[in-house]
Amino acid sequence: MEERSLLEEKKDWTKRAVLDAAKRVFFQKGYLNTTINEIATKARVSNGAIYLYFKSKDDLYLSLMMPALEEFRQALNDLERKLNDDPHMNGRTLIMGFLEVFKRVYRYDPDGIRIAQTFQIGNLTSKMTEETRQEIISYAKMNRRIARRVISKAIRKNLIKNTNPAKLFDVLSGTFFGILQLEESKLRATQKNYIFSTLEYAYLCLADHFCTGRNRS
């Protein structure tokens, strides 16, 4: 029993080491220029050890994004439950609730957020296997579907103006990721962190625009 426990601990340590090394190499060299051999060298394991846990470079890259994608889904589900159960929720609370969803995921897995951003900007789906590409698309569609459903419910409740739910979600997510990228860049240069305060200001401006009159405060 004890030997099996030690073996499991070693497996867990190896997998964590591979994931940590993969993050560093992917950030440094990019997805296309990274090789399994480089990740193995950084993790101080053999190539074969990596293939015990991950089928391919695609599978490893996807594994780095999955925790953030799953946390995002759970956070959206929590926001939807709050919309369903809280009779006092107003439009501003809902819009700021979306900000809290993004902040929750960012706090949970900031590297996962950055990897997902790199993935989107780099248009890497065409370079991946069909299986990996479809899995990523499936998770993205699921999360967008939940977000659109939440916005549609808010429109029916007259919490926010009648608008296109998909486009509004694009505005909310684009605002978050755009400001995050800008403020992280400024943070590296100035050591001054205005990420969340700038995001809050931006989302309050969005709330003023999209909320109906009685739901702005």
N, C-alpha and C. Protein backbone atom coordinates (compact mmCIF):
# COMPACT_ATOMS: atom_id res chain seq x y z
N MET A 1 0.84 -1.21 0.00
CA MET A 1 0.00 0.00 0.00
C MET A 1 0.87 1.25 0.00
N GLU A 2 1.91 1.24 0.86
CA GLU A 2 2.80 2.39 0.95
C GLU A 2 3.58 2.57 -0.34
N GLU A 3 4.04 1.44 -0.95
CA GLU A 3 4.79 1.53 -2.18
C GLU A 3 3.94 2.12 -3.30
N ARG A 4 2.67 1.70 -3.35
CA ARG A 4 1.79 2.22 -4.38
C ARG A 4 1.56 3.72 -4.17
N SER A 5 1.46 4.15 -2.92
CA SER A 5 1.27 5.55 -2.62
C SER A 5 2.47 6.37 -3.08
N LEU A 6 3.67 5.86 -2.82
CA LEU A 6 4.88 6.56 -3.25
C LEU A 6 4.95 6.63 -4.77
N LEU A 7 4.52 5.55 -5.42
CA LEU A 7 4.53 5.53 -6.88
C LEU A 7 3.56 6.56 -7.44
N GLU A 8 2.39 6.66 -6.82
CA GLU A 8 1.41 7.64 -7.27
C GLU A 8 1.93 9.06 -7.06
N GLU A 9 2.60 9.29 -5.95
CA GLU A 9 3.18 10.61 -5.70
C GLU A 9 4.22 10.95 -6.76
N LYS A 10 5.02 9.96 -7.13
CA LYS A 10 6.04 10.19 -8.15
C LYS A 10 5.39 10.51 -9.49
N LYS A 11 4.30 9.80 -9.81
CA LYS A 11 3.59 10.07 -11.06
C LYS A 11 3.02 11.48 -11.06
N ASP A 12 2.43 11.87 -9.94
CA ASP A 12 1.86 13.22 -9.84
C ASP A 12 2.94 14.28 -9.99
N TRP A 13 4.08 14.04 -9.35
CA TRP A 13 5.18 14.99 -9.43
C TRP A 13 5.67 15.10 -10.87
N THR A 14 5.81 13.96 -11.56
CA THR A 14 6.29 13.96 -12.94
C THR A 14 5.33 14.73 -13.84
N LYS A 15 4.05 14.48 -13.67
CA LYS A 15 3.06 15.16 -14.50
C LYS A 15 3.08 16.67 -14.26
N ARG A 16 3.18 17.08 -12.99
CA ARG A 16 3.25 18.52 -12.68
C ARG A 16 4.51 19.14 -13.28
N ALA A 17 5.62 18.40 -13.19
CA ALA A 17 6.87 18.91 -13.73
C ALA A 17 6.78 19.11 -15.24
N VAL A 18 6.13 18.17 -15.91
CA VAL A 18 5.96 18.28 -17.36
C VAL A 18 5.07 19.48 -17.71
N LEU A 19 3.97 19.66 -16.99
CA LEU A 19 3.07 20.78 -17.26
C LEU A 19 3.76 22.11 -17.00
N ASP A 20 4.51 22.21 -15.91
CA ASP A 20 5.22 23.45 -15.60
C ASP A 20 6.28 23.75 -16.67
N ALA A 21 6.99 22.71 -17.09
CA ALA A 21 8.01 22.90 -18.13
C ALA A 21 7.36 23.30 -19.46
N ALA A 22 6.24 22.67 -19.77
CA ALA A 22 5.54 22.98 -21.02
C ALA A 22 5.11 24.44 -21.05
N LYS A 23 4.59 24.95 -19.93
CA LYS A 23 4.20 26.36 -19.88
C LYS A 23 5.39 27.25 -20.22
N ARG A 24 6.53 26.98 -19.60
CA ARG A 24 7.70 27.84 -19.80
C ARG A 24 8.16 27.80 -21.26
N VAL A 25 8.21 26.59 -21.82
CA VAL A 25 8.72 26.47 -23.19
C VAL A 25 7.73 27.05 -24.19
N PHE A 26 6.44 26.79 -24.00
CA PHE A 26 5.43 27.33 -24.92
C PHE A 26 5.44 28.86 -24.89
N PHE A 27 5.57 29.44 -23.69
CA PHE A 27 5.61 30.90 -23.59
C PHE A 27 6.87 31.47 -24.24
N GLN A 28 7.95 30.75 -24.09
CA GLN A 28 9.23 31.24 -24.61
C GLN A 28 9.33 31.09 -26.13
N LYS A 29 8.90 29.95 -26.66
CA LYS A 29 9.13 29.65 -28.07
C LYS A 29 7.88 29.63 -28.93
N GLY A 30 6.71 29.58 -28.28
CA GLY A 30 5.49 29.48 -29.06
C GLY A 30 5.15 28.03 -29.35
N TYR A 31 3.88 27.80 -29.64
CA TYR A 31 3.40 26.43 -29.87
C TYR A 31 4.12 25.76 -31.04
N LEU A 32 4.21 26.45 -32.16
CA LEU A 32 4.73 25.83 -33.38
C LEU A 32 6.21 25.46 -33.25
N ASN A 33 6.99 26.26 -32.52
CA ASN A 33 8.43 26.04 -32.44
C ASN A 33 8.84 25.15 -31.26
N THR A 34 7.87 24.71 -30.47
CA THR A 34 8.17 23.88 -29.30
C THR A 34 8.15 22.41 -29.68
N THR A 35 9.09 21.66 -29.13
CA THR A 35 9.12 20.21 -29.35
C THR A 35 8.98 19.47 -28.02
N ILE A 36 8.52 18.25 -28.11
CA ILE A 36 8.40 17.41 -26.92
C ILE A 36 9.77 17.23 -26.27
N ASN A 37 10.81 17.11 -27.09
CA ASN A 37 12.16 16.92 -26.55
C ASN A 37 12.59 18.10 -25.68
N GLU A 38 12.25 19.33 -26.12
CA GLU A 38 12.60 20.52 -25.34
C GLU A 38 11.86 20.54 -24.01
N ILE A 39 10.59 20.14 -24.03
CA ILE A 39 9.81 20.09 -22.80
C ILE A 39 10.39 19.04 -21.86
N ALA A 40 10.75 17.90 -22.40
CA ALA A 40 11.31 16.82 -21.58
C ALA A 40 12.62 17.28 -20.94
N THR A 41 13.45 17.96 -21.71
CA THR A 41 14.73 18.45 -21.18
C THR A 41 14.50 19.44 -20.04
N LYS A 42 13.54 20.35 -20.25
CA LYS A 42 13.24 21.35 -19.22
C LYS A 42 12.67 20.70 -17.95
N ALA A 43 11.88 19.65 -18.13
CA ALA A 43 11.27 18.95 -16.99
C ALA A 43 12.20 17.92 -16.37
N ARG A 44 13.31 17.64 -17.04
CA ARG A 44 14.28 16.64 -16.58
C ARG A 44 13.65 15.25 -16.52
N VAL A 45 12.92 14.94 -17.57
CA VAL A 45 12.34 13.61 -17.72
C VAL A 45 12.62 13.15 -19.14
N SER A 46 12.34 11.89 -19.42
CA SER A 46 12.53 11.37 -20.77
C SER A 46 11.32 11.71 -21.63
N ASN A 47 11.53 11.66 -22.95
CA ASN A 47 10.40 11.84 -23.86
C ASN A 47 9.31 10.81 -23.57
N GLY A 48 9.72 9.58 -23.29
CA GLY A 48 8.76 8.52 -23.01
C GLY A 48 7.91 8.81 -21.80
N ALA A 49 8.51 9.48 -20.80
CA ALA A 49 7.74 9.81 -19.59
C ALA A 49 6.60 10.77 -19.92
N ILE A 50 6.84 11.69 -20.85
CA ILE A 50 5.78 12.62 -21.24
C ILE A 50 4.65 11.86 -21.92
N TYR A 51 5.01 10.89 -22.78
CA TYR A 51 3.97 10.16 -23.51
C TYR A 51 3.19 9.20 -22.62
N LEU A 52 3.64 9.00 -21.40
CA LEU A 52 2.83 8.23 -20.45
C LEU A 52 1.58 8.99 -20.05
N TYR A 53 1.65 10.33 -20.11
CA TYR A 53 0.55 11.17 -19.64
C TYR A 53 -0.16 11.92 -20.77
N PHE A 54 0.56 12.17 -21.85
CA PHE A 54 -0.01 12.97 -22.93
C PHE A 54 0.26 12.28 -24.27
N LYS A 55 -0.76 12.22 -25.11
CA LYS A 55 -0.64 11.50 -26.37
C LYS A 55 0.25 12.23 -27.37
N SER A 56 0.30 13.56 -27.27
CA SER A 56 1.00 14.35 -28.27
C SER A 56 1.25 15.75 -27.73
N LYS A 57 1.94 16.56 -28.51
CA LYS A 57 2.11 17.97 -28.15
C LYS A 57 0.76 18.66 -28.09
N ASP A 58 -0.14 18.31 -29.01
CA ASP A 58 -1.49 18.87 -28.98
C ASP A 58 -2.18 18.59 -27.66
N ASP A 59 -2.11 17.34 -27.24
CA ASP A 59 -2.77 16.91 -26.01
C ASP A 59 -2.20 17.65 -24.81
N LEU A 60 -0.90 17.85 -24.80
CA LEU A 60 -0.24 18.56 -23.71
C LEU A 60 -0.68 20.03 -23.70
N TYR A 61 -0.72 20.66 -24.85
CA TYR A 61 -1.13 22.06 -24.95
C TYR A 61 -2.57 22.23 -24.49
N LEU A 62 -3.41 21.30 -24.92
CA LEU A 62 -4.82 21.34 -24.52
C LEU A 62 -4.95 21.19 -23.01
N SER A 63 -4.14 20.34 -22.41
CA SER A 63 -4.20 20.12 -20.97
C SER A 63 -3.87 21.38 -20.19
N LEU A 64 -3.06 22.26 -20.77
CA LEU A 64 -2.73 23.51 -20.10
C LEU A 64 -3.89 24.49 -20.11
N MET A 65 -4.78 24.35 -21.11
CA MET A 65 -5.93 25.25 -21.21
C MET A 65 -7.16 24.73 -20.47
N MET A 66 -7.27 23.43 -20.31
CA MET A 66 -8.51 22.84 -19.81
C MET A 66 -8.93 23.33 -18.42
N PRO A 67 -8.02 23.45 -17.45
CA PRO A 67 -8.47 23.94 -16.12
C PRO A 67 -9.16 25.30 -16.20
N ALA A 68 -8.61 26.21 -17.01
CA ALA A 68 -9.22 27.54 -17.14
C ALA A 68 -10.58 27.44 -17.84
N LEU A 69 -10.68 26.61 -18.88
CA LEU A 69 -11.94 26.46 -19.60
C LEU A 69 -13.02 25.86 -18.70
N GLU A 70 -12.64 24.89 -17.89
CA GLU A 70 -13.61 24.25 -16.99
C GLU A 70 -14.03 25.21 -15.87
N GLU A 71 -13.08 25.97 -15.34
CA GLU A 71 -13.42 26.95 -14.31
C GLU A 71 -14.34 28.03 -14.88
N PHE A 72 -14.11 28.40 -16.11
CA PHE A 72 -14.97 29.39 -16.77
C PHE A 72 -16.40 28.87 -16.88
N ARG A 73 -16.54 27.62 -17.25
CA ARG A 73 -17.88 27.03 -17.35
C ARG A 73 -18.58 27.02 -16.00
N GLN A 74 -17.85 26.62 -14.96
CA GLN A 74 -18.45 26.59 -13.62
C GLN A 74 -18.85 27.98 -13.15
N ALA A 75 -18.01 28.97 -13.45
CA ALA A 75 -18.30 30.35 -13.03
C ALA A 75 -19.53 30.88 -13.77
N LEU A 76 -19.66 30.56 -15.05
CA LEU A 76 -20.85 30.98 -15.80
C LEU A 76 -22.10 30.31 -15.26
N ASN A 77 -21.99 29.04 -14.92
CA ASN A 77 -23.14 28.33 -14.33
C ASN A 77 -23.55 28.97 -13.01
N ASP A 78 -22.57 29.38 -12.22
CA ASP A 78 -22.87 30.04 -10.94
C ASP A 78 -23.57 31.37 -11.18
N LEU A 79 -23.13 32.11 -12.19
CA LEU A 79 -23.78 33.38 -12.51
C LEU A 79 -25.22 33.14 -12.96
N GLU A 80 -25.44 32.11 -13.74
CA GLU A 80 -26.80 31.81 -14.20
C GLU A 80 -27.70 31.43 -13.02
N ARG A 81 -27.17 30.66 -12.09
CA ARG A 81 -27.97 30.30 -10.90
C ARG A 81 -28.32 31.55 -10.10
N LYS A 82 -27.38 32.46 -9.99
CA LYS A 82 -27.65 33.69 -9.25
C LYS A 82 -28.73 34.51 -9.95
N LEU A 83 -28.68 34.56 -11.27
CA LEU A 83 -29.70 35.28 -12.03
C LEU A 83 -31.07 34.64 -11.82
N ASN A 84 -31.11 33.31 -11.77
CA ASN A 84 -32.38 32.60 -11.58
C ASN A 84 -32.94 32.78 -10.17
N ASP A 85 -32.05 32.83 -9.18
CA ASP A 85 -32.49 32.75 -7.78
C ASP A 85 -32.58 34.08 -7.06
N ASP A 86 -31.87 35.10 -7.54
CA ASP A 86 -31.81 36.37 -6.82
C ASP A 86 -32.82 37.36 -7.42
N PRO A 87 -33.93 37.61 -6.74
CA PRO A 87 -34.94 38.53 -7.29
C PRO A 87 -34.50 39.98 -7.29
N HIS A 88 -33.41 40.28 -6.58
CA HIS A 88 -32.95 41.66 -6.46
C HIS A 88 -31.84 41.99 -7.46
N MET A 89 -31.45 41.03 -8.29
CA MET A 89 -30.38 41.30 -9.25
C MET A 89 -30.86 42.34 -10.27
N ASN A 90 -30.00 43.31 -10.57
CA ASN A 90 -30.31 44.28 -11.60
C ASN A 90 -29.28 44.18 -12.73
N GLY A 91 -29.46 45.03 -13.73
CA GLY A 91 -28.61 44.94 -14.90
C GLY A 91 -27.15 45.19 -14.61
N ARG A 92 -26.89 46.20 -13.78
CA ARG A 92 -25.50 46.49 -13.45
C ARG A 92 -24.87 45.32 -12.71
N THR A 93 -25.60 44.72 -11.79
CA THR A 93 -25.08 43.57 -11.06
C THR A 93 -24.74 42.44 -12.01
N LEU A 94 -25.57 42.25 -13.03
CA LEU A 94 -25.32 41.19 -14.00
C LEU A 94 -24.06 41.46 -14.81
N ILE A 95 -23.95 42.69 -15.34
CA ILE A 95 -22.76 43.02 -16.13
C ILE A 95 -21.50 42.88 -15.29
N MET A 96 -21.55 43.37 -14.04
CA MET A 96 -20.39 43.23 -13.17
C MET A 96 -20.18 41.77 -12.78
N GLY A 97 -21.27 40.99 -12.80
CA GLY A 97 -21.14 39.55 -12.54
C GLY A 97 -20.30 38.87 -13.60
N PHE A 98 -20.45 39.31 -14.86
CA PHE A 98 -19.59 38.76 -15.93
C PHE A 98 -18.13 39.10 -15.67
N LEU A 99 -17.89 40.33 -15.19
CA LEU A 99 -16.51 40.68 -14.85
C LEU A 99 -15.98 39.76 -13.76
N GLU A 100 -16.81 39.46 -12.75
CA GLU A 100 -16.37 38.56 -11.68
C GLU A 100 -16.09 37.16 -12.20
N VAL A 101 -16.83 36.74 -13.22
CA VAL A 101 -16.57 35.44 -13.85
C VAL A 101 -15.17 35.42 -14.43
N PHE A 102 -14.84 36.44 -15.21
CA PHE A 102 -13.51 36.49 -15.83
C PHE A 102 -12.41 36.63 -14.78
N LYS A 103 -12.66 37.45 -13.76
CA LYS A 103 -11.65 37.63 -12.71
C LYS A 103 -11.43 36.33 -11.95
N ARG A 104 -12.50 35.60 -11.72
CA ARG A 104 -12.38 34.31 -11.01
C ARG A 104 -11.49 33.35 -11.78
N VAL A 105 -11.68 33.28 -13.10
CA VAL A 105 -10.85 32.38 -13.91
C VAL A 105 -9.40 32.86 -13.93
N TYR A 106 -9.23 34.17 -14.02
CA TYR A 106 -7.88 34.73 -14.05
C TYR A 106 -7.13 34.43 -12.75
N ARG A 107 -7.82 34.57 -11.63
CA ARG A 107 -7.18 34.27 -10.34
C ARG A 107 -6.88 32.77 -10.22
N TYR A 108 -7.79 31.97 -10.74
CA TYR A 108 -7.65 30.51 -10.63
C TYR A 108 -6.48 29.99 -11.47
N ASP A 109 -6.35 30.49 -12.69
CA ASP A 109 -5.32 29.96 -13.59
C ASP A 109 -4.87 31.04 -14.58
N PRO A 110 -4.06 32.00 -14.11
CA PRO A 110 -3.63 33.07 -15.01
C PRO A 110 -2.84 32.57 -16.22
N ASP A 111 -2.04 31.53 -16.02
CA ASP A 111 -1.28 30.99 -17.15
C ASP A 111 -2.22 30.36 -18.18
N GLY A 112 -3.26 29.70 -17.70
CA GLY A 112 -4.24 29.12 -18.61
C GLY A 112 -4.92 30.17 -19.45
N ILE A 113 -5.22 31.33 -18.83
CA ILE A 113 -5.81 32.45 -19.56
C ILE A 113 -4.84 32.94 -20.63
N ARG A 114 -3.58 33.08 -20.29
CA ARG A 114 -2.60 33.59 -21.25
C ARG A 114 -2.40 32.61 -22.40
N ILE A 115 -2.39 31.33 -22.09
CA ILE A 115 -2.23 30.32 -23.14
C ILE A 115 -3.43 30.35 -24.08
N ALA A 116 -4.62 30.48 -23.52
CA ALA A 116 -5.83 30.57 -24.35
C ALA A 116 -5.78 31.80 -25.24
N GLN A 117 -5.29 32.94 -24.71
CA GLN A 117 -5.14 34.15 -25.51
C GLN A 117 -4.16 33.92 -26.66
N THR A 118 -3.03 33.31 -26.35
CA THR A 118 -2.03 33.03 -27.38
C THR A 118 -2.60 32.11 -28.44
N PHE A 119 -3.39 31.15 -27.99
CA PHE A 119 -4.01 30.20 -28.90
C PHE A 119 -4.94 30.92 -29.88
N GLN A 120 -5.76 31.83 -29.36
CA GLN A 120 -6.71 32.55 -30.22
C GLN A 120 -6.01 33.50 -31.17
N ILE A 121 -5.05 34.24 -30.65
CA ILE A 121 -4.34 35.23 -31.47
C ILE A 121 -3.54 34.53 -32.57
N GLY A 122 -2.94 33.40 -32.22
CA GLY A 122 -2.08 32.70 -33.16
C GLY A 122 -2.81 31.84 -34.16
N ASN A 123 -4.15 31.69 -34.01
CA ASN A 123 -4.94 30.86 -34.92
C ASN A 123 -4.30 29.49 -35.10
N LEU A 124 -4.12 28.79 -33.98
CA LEU A 124 -3.38 27.53 -34.00
C LEU A 124 -4.23 26.31 -34.35
N THR A 125 -5.54 26.47 -34.48
CA THR A 125 -6.37 25.29 -34.69
C THR A 125 -6.00 24.55 -35.97
N SER A 126 -5.57 25.28 -36.99
CA SER A 126 -5.23 24.63 -38.25
C SER A 126 -3.96 23.80 -38.13
N LYS A 127 -3.18 24.01 -37.10
CA LYS A 127 -1.93 23.29 -36.93
C LYS A 127 -2.09 22.06 -36.02
N MET A 128 -3.27 21.88 -35.47
CA MET A 128 -3.50 20.80 -34.51
C MET A 128 -4.24 19.64 -35.16
N THR A 129 -4.22 18.52 -34.47
CA THR A 129 -4.99 17.38 -34.96
C THR A 129 -6.47 17.71 -34.90
N GLU A 130 -7.24 17.03 -35.71
CA GLU A 130 -8.68 17.27 -35.75
C GLU A 130 -9.32 16.98 -34.40
N GLU A 131 -8.86 15.94 -33.71
CA GLU A 131 -9.41 15.59 -32.41
C GLU A 131 -9.23 16.71 -31.39
N THR A 132 -8.00 17.25 -31.33
CA THR A 132 -7.72 18.34 -30.39
C THR A 132 -8.50 19.59 -30.77
N ARG A 133 -8.53 19.90 -32.04
CA ARG A 133 -9.24 21.08 -32.52
C ARG A 133 -10.71 21.02 -32.15
N GLN A 134 -11.34 19.86 -32.35
CA GLN A 134 -12.75 19.72 -32.06
C GLN A 134 -13.03 19.79 -30.56
N GLU A 135 -12.11 19.29 -29.75
CA GLU A 135 -12.31 19.35 -28.30
C GLU A 135 -12.27 20.79 -27.81
N ILE A 136 -11.34 21.57 -28.32
CA ILE A 136 -11.25 22.97 -27.94
C ILE A 136 -12.50 23.72 -28.40
N ILE A 137 -12.91 23.48 -29.64
CA ILE A 137 -14.10 24.14 -30.19
C ILE A 137 -15.33 23.78 -29.38
N SER A 138 -15.42 22.51 -28.97
CA SER A 138 -16.57 22.05 -28.19
C SER A 138 -16.67 22.79 -26.86
N TYR A 139 -15.55 22.93 -26.15
CA TYR A 139 -15.56 23.64 -24.87
C TYR A 139 -15.89 25.12 -25.07
N ALA A 140 -15.33 25.71 -26.11
CA ALA A 140 -15.59 27.13 -26.37
C ALA A 140 -17.07 27.35 -26.69
N LYS A 141 -17.64 26.47 -27.49
CA LYS A 141 -19.05 26.59 -27.84
C LYS A 141 -19.94 26.42 -26.60
N MET A 142 -19.58 25.47 -25.74
CA MET A 142 -20.36 25.24 -24.53
C MET A 142 -20.38 26.49 -23.64
N ASN A 143 -19.21 27.09 -23.46
CA ASN A 143 -19.12 28.28 -22.61
C ASN A 143 -19.88 29.46 -23.23
N ARG A 144 -19.75 29.62 -24.54
CA ARG A 144 -20.47 30.71 -25.21
C ARG A 144 -21.97 30.49 -25.13
N ARG A 145 -22.39 29.24 -25.22
CA ARG A 145 -23.82 28.93 -25.15
C ARG A 145 -24.39 29.31 -23.79
N ILE A 146 -23.66 29.00 -22.72
CA ILE A 146 -24.12 29.36 -21.38
C ILE A 146 -24.18 30.88 -21.25
N ALA A 147 -23.14 31.57 -21.72
CA ALA A 147 -23.10 33.03 -21.61
C ALA A 147 -24.26 33.67 -22.38
N ARG A 148 -24.51 33.19 -23.58
CA ARG A 148 -25.63 33.74 -24.36
C ARG A 148 -26.96 33.48 -23.67
N ARG A 149 -27.08 32.31 -23.05
CA ARG A 149 -28.32 31.99 -22.35
C ARG A 149 -28.55 32.94 -21.17
N VAL A 150 -27.49 33.24 -20.45
CA VAL A 150 -27.59 34.17 -19.32
C VAL A 150 -28.03 35.54 -19.82
N ILE A 151 -27.40 36.01 -20.89
CA ILE A 151 -27.75 37.34 -21.42
C ILE A 151 -29.18 37.34 -21.93
N SER A 152 -29.60 36.29 -22.59
CA SER A 152 -30.97 36.21 -23.10
C SER A 152 -31.99 36.27 -21.97
N LYS A 153 -31.70 35.58 -20.87
CA LYS A 153 -32.60 35.62 -19.70
C LYS A 153 -32.66 37.04 -19.13
N ALA A 154 -31.50 37.70 -19.09
CA ALA A 154 -31.48 39.07 -18.56
C ALA A 154 -32.29 40.01 -19.43
N ILE A 155 -32.26 39.80 -20.74
CA ILE A 155 -33.06 40.63 -21.64
C ILE A 155 -34.54 40.39 -21.40
N ARG A 156 -34.92 39.13 -21.23
CA ARG A 156 -36.34 38.81 -20.99
C ARG A 156 -36.82 39.39 -19.66
N LYS A 157 -35.91 39.48 -18.69
CA LYS A 157 -36.25 40.06 -17.40
C LYS A 157 -36.20 41.59 -17.43
N ASN A 158 -35.85 42.15 -18.59
CA ASN A 158 -35.72 43.59 -18.77
C ASN A 158 -34.63 44.20 -17.88
N LEU A 159 -33.59 43.40 -17.62
CA LEU A 159 -32.46 43.91 -16.85
C LEU A 159 -31.48 44.67 -17.74
N ILE A 160 -31.38 44.22 -18.99
CA ILE A 160 -30.52 44.91 -19.95
C ILE A 160 -31.31 45.12 -21.24
N LYS A 161 -30.82 46.02 -22.06
CA LYS A 161 -31.52 46.37 -23.29
C LYS A 161 -31.59 45.19 -24.24
N ASN A 162 -32.59 45.20 -25.10
CA ASN A 162 -32.72 44.17 -26.11
C ASN A 162 -31.56 44.29 -27.10
N THR A 163 -30.69 43.32 -27.11
CA THR A 163 -29.50 43.37 -27.95
C THR A 163 -29.17 41.96 -28.39
N ASN A 164 -28.18 41.81 -29.22
CA ASN A 164 -27.73 40.50 -29.69
C ASN A 164 -26.87 39.86 -28.61
N PRO A 165 -27.32 38.75 -27.99
CA PRO A 165 -26.55 38.15 -26.88
C PRO A 165 -25.14 37.74 -27.27
N ALA A 166 -24.97 37.20 -28.48
CA ALA A 166 -23.64 36.77 -28.90
C ALA A 166 -22.69 37.95 -29.03
N LYS A 167 -23.20 39.05 -29.61
CA LYS A 167 -22.35 40.23 -29.78
C LYS A 167 -22.03 40.88 -28.44
N LEU A 168 -23.01 40.90 -27.54
CA LEU A 168 -22.73 41.48 -26.23
C LEU A 168 -21.68 40.67 -25.49
N PHE A 169 -21.76 39.35 -25.58
CA PHE A 169 -20.74 38.53 -24.92
C PHE A 169 -19.37 38.77 -25.55
N ASP A 170 -19.32 38.95 -26.86
CA ASP A 170 -18.05 39.28 -27.51
C ASP A 170 -17.49 40.59 -26.97
N VAL A 171 -18.37 41.57 -26.76
CA VAL A 171 -17.94 42.86 -26.22
C VAL A 171 -17.39 42.68 -24.80
N LEU A 172 -18.11 41.90 -23.98
CA LEU A 172 -17.67 41.68 -22.60
C LEU A 172 -16.34 40.94 -22.54
N SER A 173 -16.22 39.89 -23.32
CA SER A 173 -14.98 39.11 -23.29
C SER A 173 -13.83 39.87 -23.95
N GLY A 174 -14.12 40.56 -25.07
CA GLY A 174 -13.07 41.33 -25.73
C GLY A 174 -12.55 42.46 -24.86
N THR A 175 -13.46 43.09 -24.12
CA THR A 175 -13.06 44.15 -23.19
C THR A 175 -12.14 43.59 -22.11
N PHE A 176 -12.52 42.45 -21.57
CA PHE A 176 -11.69 41.87 -20.51
C PHE A 176 -10.30 41.52 -21.03
N PHE A 177 -10.24 40.75 -22.11
CA PHE A 177 -8.94 40.27 -22.57
C PHE A 177 -8.08 41.39 -23.14
N GLY A 178 -8.71 42.37 -23.79
CA GLY A 178 -7.94 43.49 -24.32
C GLY A 178 -7.31 44.32 -23.21
N ILE A 179 -8.10 44.65 -22.20
CA ILE A 179 -7.58 45.45 -21.09
C ILE A 179 -6.56 44.64 -20.28
N LEU A 180 -6.84 43.35 -20.12
CA LEU A 180 -5.89 42.49 -19.39
C LEU A 180 -4.53 42.51 -20.06
N GLN A 181 -4.52 42.35 -21.37
CA GLN A 181 -3.25 42.33 -22.10
C GLN A 181 -2.54 43.67 -21.98
N LEU A 182 -3.29 44.76 -22.12
CA LEU A 182 -2.69 46.10 -22.02
C LEU A 182 -2.14 46.36 -20.63
N GLU A 183 -2.93 46.08 -19.61
CA GLU A 183 -2.51 46.40 -18.25
C GLU A 183 -1.39 45.47 -17.75
N GLU A 184 -1.38 44.23 -18.20
CA GLU A 184 -0.26 43.35 -17.84
C GLU A 184 1.03 43.86 -18.46
N SER A 185 0.95 44.38 -19.68
CA SER A 185 2.12 44.95 -20.33
C SER A 185 2.62 46.18 -19.57
N LYS A 186 1.69 47.04 -19.15
CA LYS A 186 2.06 48.22 -18.37
C LYS A 186 2.60 47.83 -17.00
N LEU A 187 2.05 46.78 -16.42
CA LEU A 187 2.52 46.31 -15.11
C LEU A 187 3.98 45.88 -15.19
N ARG A 188 4.34 45.18 -16.27
CA ARG A 188 5.73 44.73 -16.42
C ARG A 188 6.68 45.92 -16.55
N ALA A 189 6.19 47.00 -17.16
CA ALA A 189 7.05 48.17 -17.39
C ALA A 189 7.13 49.08 -16.18
N THR A 190 6.01 49.23 -15.45
CA THR A 190 5.94 50.24 -14.38
C THR A 190 5.86 49.65 -12.97
N GLN A 191 5.57 48.34 -12.88
CA GLN A 191 5.35 47.68 -11.59
C GLN A 191 4.12 48.22 -10.86
N LYS A 192 3.23 48.90 -11.60
CA LYS A 192 1.99 49.42 -11.02
C LYS A 192 0.82 48.63 -11.59
N ASN A 193 0.02 48.07 -10.70
CA ASN A 193 -1.05 47.17 -11.11
C ASN A 193 -2.40 47.88 -11.10
N TYR A 194 -2.90 48.18 -12.30
CA TYR A 194 -4.22 48.80 -12.45
C TYR A 194 -5.19 47.87 -13.19
N ILE A 195 -4.88 46.58 -13.20
CA ILE A 195 -5.67 45.65 -14.01
C ILE A 195 -7.13 45.67 -13.60
N PHE A 196 -7.41 45.37 -12.34
CA PHE A 196 -8.81 45.22 -11.92
C PHE A 196 -9.54 46.56 -11.84
N SER A 197 -8.84 47.62 -11.44
CA SER A 197 -9.51 48.92 -11.35
C SER A 197 -9.90 49.42 -12.75
N THR A 198 -9.04 49.19 -13.74
CA THR A 198 -9.37 49.60 -15.11
C THR A 198 -10.51 48.75 -15.66
N LEU A 199 -10.47 47.46 -15.37
CA LEU A 199 -11.55 46.58 -15.81
C LEU A 199 -12.89 46.99 -15.19
N GLU A 200 -12.86 47.31 -13.92
CA GLU A 200 -14.10 47.71 -13.25
C GLU A 200 -14.66 48.99 -13.89
N TYR A 201 -13.80 49.94 -14.17
CA TYR A 201 -14.25 51.18 -14.82
C TYR A 201 -14.88 50.87 -16.18
N ALA A 202 -14.23 49.99 -16.96
CA ALA A 202 -14.73 49.66 -18.29
C ALA A 202 -16.08 48.96 -18.22
N TYR A 203 -16.23 48.05 -17.28
CA TYR A 203 -17.49 47.31 -17.17
C TYR A 203 -18.61 48.19 -16.64
N LEU A 204 -18.29 49.14 -15.78
CA LEU A 204 -19.31 50.09 -15.34
C LEU A 204 -19.79 50.95 -16.51
N CYS A 205 -18.87 51.32 -17.41
CA CYS A 205 -19.26 52.06 -18.61
C CYS A 205 -20.17 51.21 -19.49
N LEU A 206 -19.84 49.94 -19.62
CA LEU A 206 -20.69 49.03 -20.40
C LEU A 206 -22.06 48.88 -19.76
N ALA A 207 -22.08 48.78 -18.42
CA ALA A 207 -23.36 48.66 -17.71
C ALA A 207 -24.23 49.88 -17.95
N ASP A 208 -23.63 51.06 -17.93
CA ASP A 208 -24.39 52.29 -18.18
C ASP A 208 -25.00 52.29 -19.57
N HIS A 209 -24.31 51.65 -20.50
CA HIS A 209 -24.82 51.65 -21.88
C HIS A 209 -25.88 50.57 -22.09
N PHE A 210 -25.65 49.38 -21.58
CA PHE A 210 -26.51 48.24 -21.91
C PHE A 210 -27.68 48.03 -20.94
N CYS A 211 -27.61 48.61 -19.76
CA CYS A 211 -28.68 48.39 -18.79
C CYS A 211 -29.87 49.31 -19.07
N THR A 212 -31.05 48.83 -18.76
CA THR A 212 -32.23 49.68 -18.86
C THR A 212 -32.20 50.68 -17.71
N GLY A 213 -32.99 51.77 -17.83
CA GLY A 213 -32.93 52.87 -16.89
C GLY A 213 -33.02 52.48 -15.45
N ARG A 214 -33.96 51.63 -15.08
CA ARG A 214 -34.17 51.28 -13.68
C ARG A 214 -33.15 50.26 -13.18
N ASN A 215 -32.28 49.76 -14.05
CA ASN A 215 -31.36 48.71 -13.65
C ASN A 215 -29.90 49.14 -13.70
N ARG A 216 -29.67 50.45 -13.68
CA ARG A 216 -28.30 50.94 -13.77
C ARG A 216 -27.64 51.09 -12.41
N SER A 217 -28.37 50.89 -11.35
CA SER A 217 -27.76 51.04 -10.02
C SER A 217 -28.39 50.07 -9.06
